[in-house]
Amino acid sequence: MNIYGVKNGIVFPLLFEICKPQSTLKSGDVYQSKPQIAASLVTELVDKKFKIRYVLADSLYGESPTNFLRVLEKLELQFMVSIRSNHQVLMPAKEQVRQTKWKKF
């Protein structure tokens, strides 16, 4: 699990943690999923006073049943996560889905 930063167009690693499969854990170790590890790493960066403008994550995190997105909301971070096209989302009645065309950068 890696967390990268971008400054002046330069991408660089900030933090990482090894994600161990459950089958390799030693007695007393607690299994953490990748979204759980990501949530703790983002929290660590905020605790260290890093200024985080946006969090970007793929569908593993966007569709995670864990509290990854809730952690980002609690930390009041802006985020964009991917979801698969067949992933269903429940929204409040007055919310609207807005889909824009992809743009080249």
N, C-alpha and C. Protein backbone atom coordinates (compact mmCIF):
# COMPACT_ATOMS: atom_id res chain seq x y z
N MET A 1 0.86 -1.16 0.00
CA MET A 1 0.00 0.00 0.00
C MET A 1 0.90 1.22 0.00
N ASN A 2 0.73 2.09 -1.01
CA ASN A 2 1.53 3.31 -1.14
C ASN A 2 0.64 4.53 -1.17
N ILE A 3 1.12 5.61 -0.59
CA ILE A 3 0.46 6.90 -0.72
C ILE A 3 1.48 7.86 -1.32
N TYR A 4 1.05 8.50 -2.42
CA TYR A 4 1.93 9.41 -3.15
C TYR A 4 1.45 10.84 -3.00
N GLY A 5 2.38 11.75 -3.10
CA GLY A 5 2.08 13.18 -3.15
C GLY A 5 2.48 13.73 -4.50
N VAL A 6 1.90 14.86 -4.86
CA VAL A 6 2.26 15.54 -6.10
C VAL A 6 2.51 17.01 -5.75
N LYS A 7 3.66 17.51 -6.13
CA LYS A 7 4.00 18.91 -5.89
C LYS A 7 4.73 19.42 -7.12
N ASN A 8 4.21 20.49 -7.69
CA ASN A 8 4.82 21.08 -8.89
C ASN A 8 5.01 20.06 -10.00
N GLY A 9 4.04 19.17 -10.16
CA GLY A 9 4.08 18.17 -11.21
C GLY A 9 5.00 16.99 -10.95
N ILE A 10 5.59 16.93 -9.76
CA ILE A 10 6.49 15.82 -9.41
C ILE A 10 5.74 14.88 -8.46
N VAL A 11 5.71 13.60 -8.82
CA VAL A 11 5.05 12.58 -8.00
C VAL A 11 6.12 11.91 -7.14
N PHE A 12 5.83 11.77 -5.82
CA PHE A 12 6.80 11.16 -4.92
C PHE A 12 6.07 10.40 -3.83
N PRO A 13 6.68 9.32 -3.33
CA PRO A 13 6.04 8.53 -2.26
C PRO A 13 6.07 9.27 -0.92
N LEU A 14 4.99 9.15 -0.17
CA LEU A 14 4.91 9.76 1.16
C LEU A 14 4.99 8.70 2.26
N LEU A 15 4.15 7.69 2.14
CA LEU A 15 4.10 6.62 3.14
C LEU A 15 3.82 5.29 2.43
N PHE A 16 4.21 4.22 3.08
CA PHE A 16 3.82 2.90 2.59
C PHE A 16 3.67 1.95 3.76
N GLU A 17 2.91 0.91 3.54
CA GLU A 17 2.77 -0.16 4.53
C GLU A 17 2.54 -1.45 3.78
N ILE A 18 3.15 -2.50 4.26
CA ILE A 18 3.00 -3.80 3.62
C ILE A 18 1.63 -4.38 3.97
N CYS A 19 0.92 -4.82 2.96
CA CYS A 19 -0.38 -5.47 3.18
C CYS A 19 -0.13 -6.98 3.18
N LYS A 20 -0.28 -7.58 4.34
CA LYS A 20 -0.01 -9.00 4.48
C LYS A 20 -1.27 -9.82 4.26
N PRO A 21 -1.19 -10.86 3.43
CA PRO A 21 -2.34 -11.76 3.31
C PRO A 21 -2.64 -12.43 4.65
N GLN A 22 -3.89 -12.74 4.87
CA GLN A 22 -4.28 -13.35 6.15
C GLN A 22 -3.50 -14.63 6.42
N SER A 23 -3.18 -15.37 5.37
CA SER A 23 -2.50 -16.66 5.55
C SER A 23 -1.07 -16.50 6.07
N THR A 24 -0.50 -15.30 5.98
CA THR A 24 0.89 -15.10 6.43
C THR A 24 1.00 -14.43 7.79
N LEU A 25 -0.13 -14.11 8.42
CA LEU A 25 -0.09 -13.42 9.70
C LEU A 25 0.40 -14.34 10.81
N LYS A 26 1.17 -13.77 11.72
CA LYS A 26 1.66 -14.51 12.88
C LYS A 26 0.63 -14.42 14.00
N SER A 27 0.75 -15.28 14.96
CA SER A 27 -0.15 -15.28 16.10
C SER A 27 -0.14 -13.90 16.76
N GLY A 28 -1.30 -13.35 16.98
CA GLY A 28 -1.41 -12.04 17.61
C GLY A 28 -1.52 -10.89 16.62
N ASP A 29 -1.15 -11.12 15.34
CA ASP A 29 -1.29 -10.09 14.32
C ASP A 29 -2.76 -9.89 13.99
N VAL A 30 -3.13 -8.68 13.64
CA VAL A 30 -4.50 -8.37 13.25
C VAL A 30 -4.52 -8.06 11.77
N TYR A 31 -5.39 -8.74 11.05
CA TYR A 31 -5.50 -8.52 9.61
C TYR A 31 -6.14 -7.16 9.33
N GLN A 32 -5.58 -6.43 8.36
CA GLN A 32 -6.18 -5.19 7.89
C GLN A 32 -6.27 -5.25 6.38
N SER A 33 -7.44 -4.89 5.85
CA SER A 33 -7.62 -4.84 4.41
C SER A 33 -6.88 -3.62 3.85
N LYS A 34 -6.71 -3.59 2.53
CA LYS A 34 -6.05 -2.43 1.92
C LYS A 34 -6.79 -1.13 2.21
N PRO A 35 -8.14 -1.09 2.13
CA PRO A 35 -8.83 0.16 2.48
C PRO A 35 -8.62 0.57 3.94
N GLN A 36 -8.54 -0.38 4.84
CA GLN A 36 -8.29 -0.05 6.25
C GLN A 36 -6.89 0.53 6.41
N ILE A 37 -5.91 -0.06 5.73
CA ILE A 37 -4.54 0.46 5.79
C ILE A 37 -4.50 1.87 5.19
N ALA A 38 -5.18 2.06 4.05
CA ALA A 38 -5.19 3.37 3.40
C ALA A 38 -5.78 4.43 4.32
N ALA A 39 -6.87 4.08 5.01
CA ALA A 39 -7.50 5.04 5.93
C ALA A 39 -6.54 5.42 7.05
N SER A 40 -5.79 4.47 7.58
CA SER A 40 -4.85 4.79 8.66
C SER A 40 -3.68 5.62 8.14
N LEU A 41 -3.22 5.37 6.91
CA LEU A 41 -2.12 6.15 6.35
C LEU A 41 -2.54 7.60 6.08
N VAL A 42 -3.74 7.78 5.54
CA VAL A 42 -4.23 9.15 5.31
C VAL A 42 -4.39 9.88 6.64
N THR A 43 -4.91 9.20 7.63
CA THR A 43 -5.06 9.79 8.96
C THR A 43 -3.70 10.18 9.53
N GLU A 44 -2.71 9.34 9.31
CA GLU A 44 -1.35 9.64 9.79
C GLU A 44 -0.80 10.91 9.13
N LEU A 45 -1.03 11.06 7.82
CA LEU A 45 -0.57 12.26 7.13
C LEU A 45 -1.26 13.52 7.67
N VAL A 46 -2.56 13.42 7.92
CA VAL A 46 -3.29 14.56 8.48
C VAL A 46 -2.76 14.89 9.87
N ASP A 47 -2.53 13.86 10.68
CA ASP A 47 -1.98 14.07 12.02
C ASP A 47 -0.60 14.72 11.98
N LYS A 48 0.16 14.46 10.92
CA LYS A 48 1.49 15.07 10.74
C LYS A 48 1.41 16.44 10.07
N LYS A 49 0.18 16.95 9.93
CA LYS A 49 -0.06 18.31 9.40
C LYS A 49 0.24 18.47 7.92
N PHE A 50 0.19 17.37 7.15
CA PHE A 50 0.30 17.49 5.71
C PHE A 50 -0.95 18.17 5.19
N LYS A 51 -0.80 19.04 4.23
CA LYS A 51 -1.95 19.70 3.60
C LYS A 51 -2.37 18.86 2.41
N ILE A 52 -3.50 18.22 2.53
CA ILE A 52 -4.00 17.32 1.49
C ILE A 52 -5.11 18.04 0.75
N ARG A 53 -4.91 18.24 -0.52
CA ARG A 53 -5.92 18.92 -1.32
C ARG A 53 -6.99 17.95 -1.82
N TYR A 54 -6.56 16.81 -2.35
CA TYR A 54 -7.48 15.81 -2.87
C TYR A 54 -6.94 14.42 -2.57
N VAL A 55 -7.85 13.47 -2.44
CA VAL A 55 -7.50 12.06 -2.34
C VAL A 55 -8.11 11.37 -3.55
N LEU A 56 -7.29 10.64 -4.30
CA LEU A 56 -7.76 9.88 -5.45
C LEU A 56 -7.55 8.41 -5.16
N ALA A 57 -8.55 7.60 -5.49
CA ALA A 57 -8.43 6.17 -5.22
C ALA A 57 -9.20 5.37 -6.27
N ASP A 58 -8.77 4.13 -6.47
CA ASP A 58 -9.45 3.30 -7.46
C ASP A 58 -10.67 2.62 -6.86
N SER A 59 -11.30 1.76 -7.65
CA SER A 59 -12.59 1.18 -7.25
C SER A 59 -12.49 0.27 -6.03
N LEU A 60 -11.32 -0.28 -5.75
CA LEU A 60 -11.18 -1.09 -4.54
C LEU A 60 -11.58 -0.28 -3.31
N TYR A 61 -11.21 1.00 -3.32
CA TYR A 61 -11.48 1.88 -2.19
C TYR A 61 -12.85 2.54 -2.33
N GLY A 62 -13.26 2.84 -3.55
CA GLY A 62 -14.56 3.45 -3.80
C GLY A 62 -15.72 2.53 -3.50
N GLU A 63 -15.48 1.24 -3.62
CA GLU A 63 -16.54 0.25 -3.39
C GLU A 63 -16.33 -0.53 -2.11
N SER A 64 -15.39 -0.11 -1.30
CA SER A 64 -15.04 -0.84 -0.10
C SER A 64 -16.16 -0.82 0.94
N PRO A 65 -16.48 -1.98 1.51
CA PRO A 65 -17.49 -2.01 2.57
C PRO A 65 -16.95 -1.47 3.90
N THR A 66 -15.65 -1.20 3.97
CA THR A 66 -15.08 -0.64 5.20
C THR A 66 -15.36 0.85 5.26
N ASN A 67 -14.82 1.50 6.22
CA ASN A 67 -15.12 2.91 6.45
C ASN A 67 -14.14 3.87 5.80
N PHE A 68 -13.45 3.48 4.72
CA PHE A 68 -12.46 4.34 4.08
C PHE A 68 -13.05 5.70 3.71
N LEU A 69 -14.19 5.70 3.05
CA LEU A 69 -14.80 6.97 2.64
C LEU A 69 -15.28 7.76 3.86
N ARG A 70 -15.76 7.08 4.87
CA ARG A 70 -16.19 7.78 6.09
C ARG A 70 -15.02 8.46 6.78
N VAL A 71 -13.85 7.84 6.73
CA VAL A 71 -12.66 8.45 7.32
C VAL A 71 -12.31 9.72 6.56
N LEU A 72 -12.35 9.67 5.23
CA LEU A 72 -12.06 10.86 4.43
C LEU A 72 -13.06 11.97 4.72
N GLU A 73 -14.34 11.61 4.86
CA GLU A 73 -15.37 12.61 5.20
C GLU A 73 -15.12 13.20 6.59
N LYS A 74 -14.78 12.34 7.55
CA LYS A 74 -14.52 12.81 8.91
C LYS A 74 -13.33 13.78 8.94
N LEU A 75 -12.32 13.49 8.11
CA LEU A 75 -11.14 14.36 8.03
C LEU A 75 -11.40 15.59 7.15
N GLU A 76 -12.61 15.67 6.61
CA GLU A 76 -13.03 16.78 5.75
C GLU A 76 -12.12 16.96 4.54
N LEU A 77 -11.78 15.81 3.93
CA LEU A 77 -10.94 15.82 2.73
C LEU A 77 -11.81 15.68 1.49
N GLN A 78 -11.43 16.36 0.44
CA GLN A 78 -12.10 16.18 -0.84
C GLN A 78 -11.53 14.93 -1.49
N PHE A 79 -12.40 14.14 -2.09
CA PHE A 79 -11.91 12.90 -2.69
C PHE A 79 -12.67 12.56 -3.95
N MET A 80 -12.02 11.75 -4.77
CA MET A 80 -12.63 11.19 -5.96
C MET A 80 -12.21 9.72 -6.01
N VAL A 81 -13.19 8.85 -6.05
CA VAL A 81 -12.91 7.43 -6.11
C VAL A 81 -13.63 6.83 -7.31
N SER A 82 -13.04 5.81 -7.86
CA SER A 82 -13.65 5.11 -8.98
C SER A 82 -14.65 4.09 -8.47
N ILE A 83 -15.64 3.82 -9.27
CA ILE A 83 -16.53 2.68 -9.05
C ILE A 83 -16.75 2.03 -10.41
N ARG A 84 -17.03 0.76 -10.41
CA ARG A 84 -17.29 0.06 -11.66
C ARG A 84 -18.63 0.52 -12.23
N SER A 85 -18.80 0.40 -13.52
CA SER A 85 -20.02 0.88 -14.16
C SER A 85 -21.26 0.12 -13.69
N ASN A 86 -21.09 -1.10 -13.18
CA ASN A 86 -22.26 -1.86 -12.72
C ASN A 86 -22.44 -1.79 -11.20
N HIS A 87 -21.71 -0.91 -10.55
CA HIS A 87 -21.83 -0.74 -9.10
C HIS A 87 -23.05 0.14 -8.80
N GLN A 88 -23.91 -0.33 -7.92
CA GLN A 88 -25.12 0.43 -7.60
C GLN A 88 -24.88 1.31 -6.39
N VAL A 89 -25.45 2.50 -6.44
CA VAL A 89 -25.31 3.47 -5.36
C VAL A 89 -26.68 4.00 -4.99
N LEU A 90 -27.00 4.02 -3.70
CA LEU A 90 -28.25 4.61 -3.24
C LEU A 90 -28.00 6.07 -2.90
N MET A 91 -28.86 6.93 -3.41
CA MET A 91 -28.69 8.37 -3.18
C MET A 91 -29.99 8.94 -2.63
N PRO A 92 -29.91 10.02 -1.87
CA PRO A 92 -31.12 10.68 -1.40
C PRO A 92 -31.98 11.12 -2.59
N ALA A 93 -33.28 11.21 -2.39
CA ALA A 93 -34.23 11.48 -3.47
C ALA A 93 -33.91 12.76 -4.24
N LYS A 94 -33.47 13.81 -3.57
CA LYS A 94 -33.25 15.07 -4.27
C LYS A 94 -31.86 15.21 -4.89
N GLU A 95 -31.01 14.22 -4.72
CA GLU A 95 -29.69 14.25 -5.34
C GLU A 95 -29.79 13.87 -6.82
N GLN A 96 -28.90 14.40 -7.62
CA GLN A 96 -28.87 14.09 -9.04
C GLN A 96 -27.52 13.51 -9.41
N VAL A 97 -27.54 12.62 -10.38
CA VAL A 97 -26.29 12.07 -10.90
C VAL A 97 -25.85 12.96 -12.04
N ARG A 98 -24.61 13.37 -11.99
CA ARG A 98 -24.06 14.20 -13.06
C ARG A 98 -22.88 13.48 -13.65
N GLN A 99 -22.91 13.32 -14.93
CA GLN A 99 -21.82 12.63 -15.60
C GLN A 99 -21.28 13.54 -16.69
N THR A 100 -20.00 13.83 -16.64
CA THR A 100 -19.40 14.70 -17.64
C THR A 100 -18.50 13.88 -18.55
N LYS A 101 -18.21 14.41 -19.72
CA LYS A 101 -17.35 13.72 -20.66
C LYS A 101 -15.90 13.78 -20.16
N TRP A 102 -15.15 12.74 -20.48
CA TRP A 102 -13.74 12.74 -20.16
C TRP A 102 -13.03 13.81 -20.96
N LYS A 103 -12.06 14.42 -20.37
CA LYS A 103 -11.27 15.44 -21.05
C LYS A 103 -9.81 15.03 -21.06
N LYS A 104 -9.14 15.34 -22.16
CA LYS A 104 -7.71 15.07 -22.24
C LYS A 104 -6.97 16.14 -21.45
N PHE A 105 -5.89 15.73 -20.82
CA PHE A 105 -5.05 16.67 -20.10
C PHE A 105 -3.74 16.81 -20.83
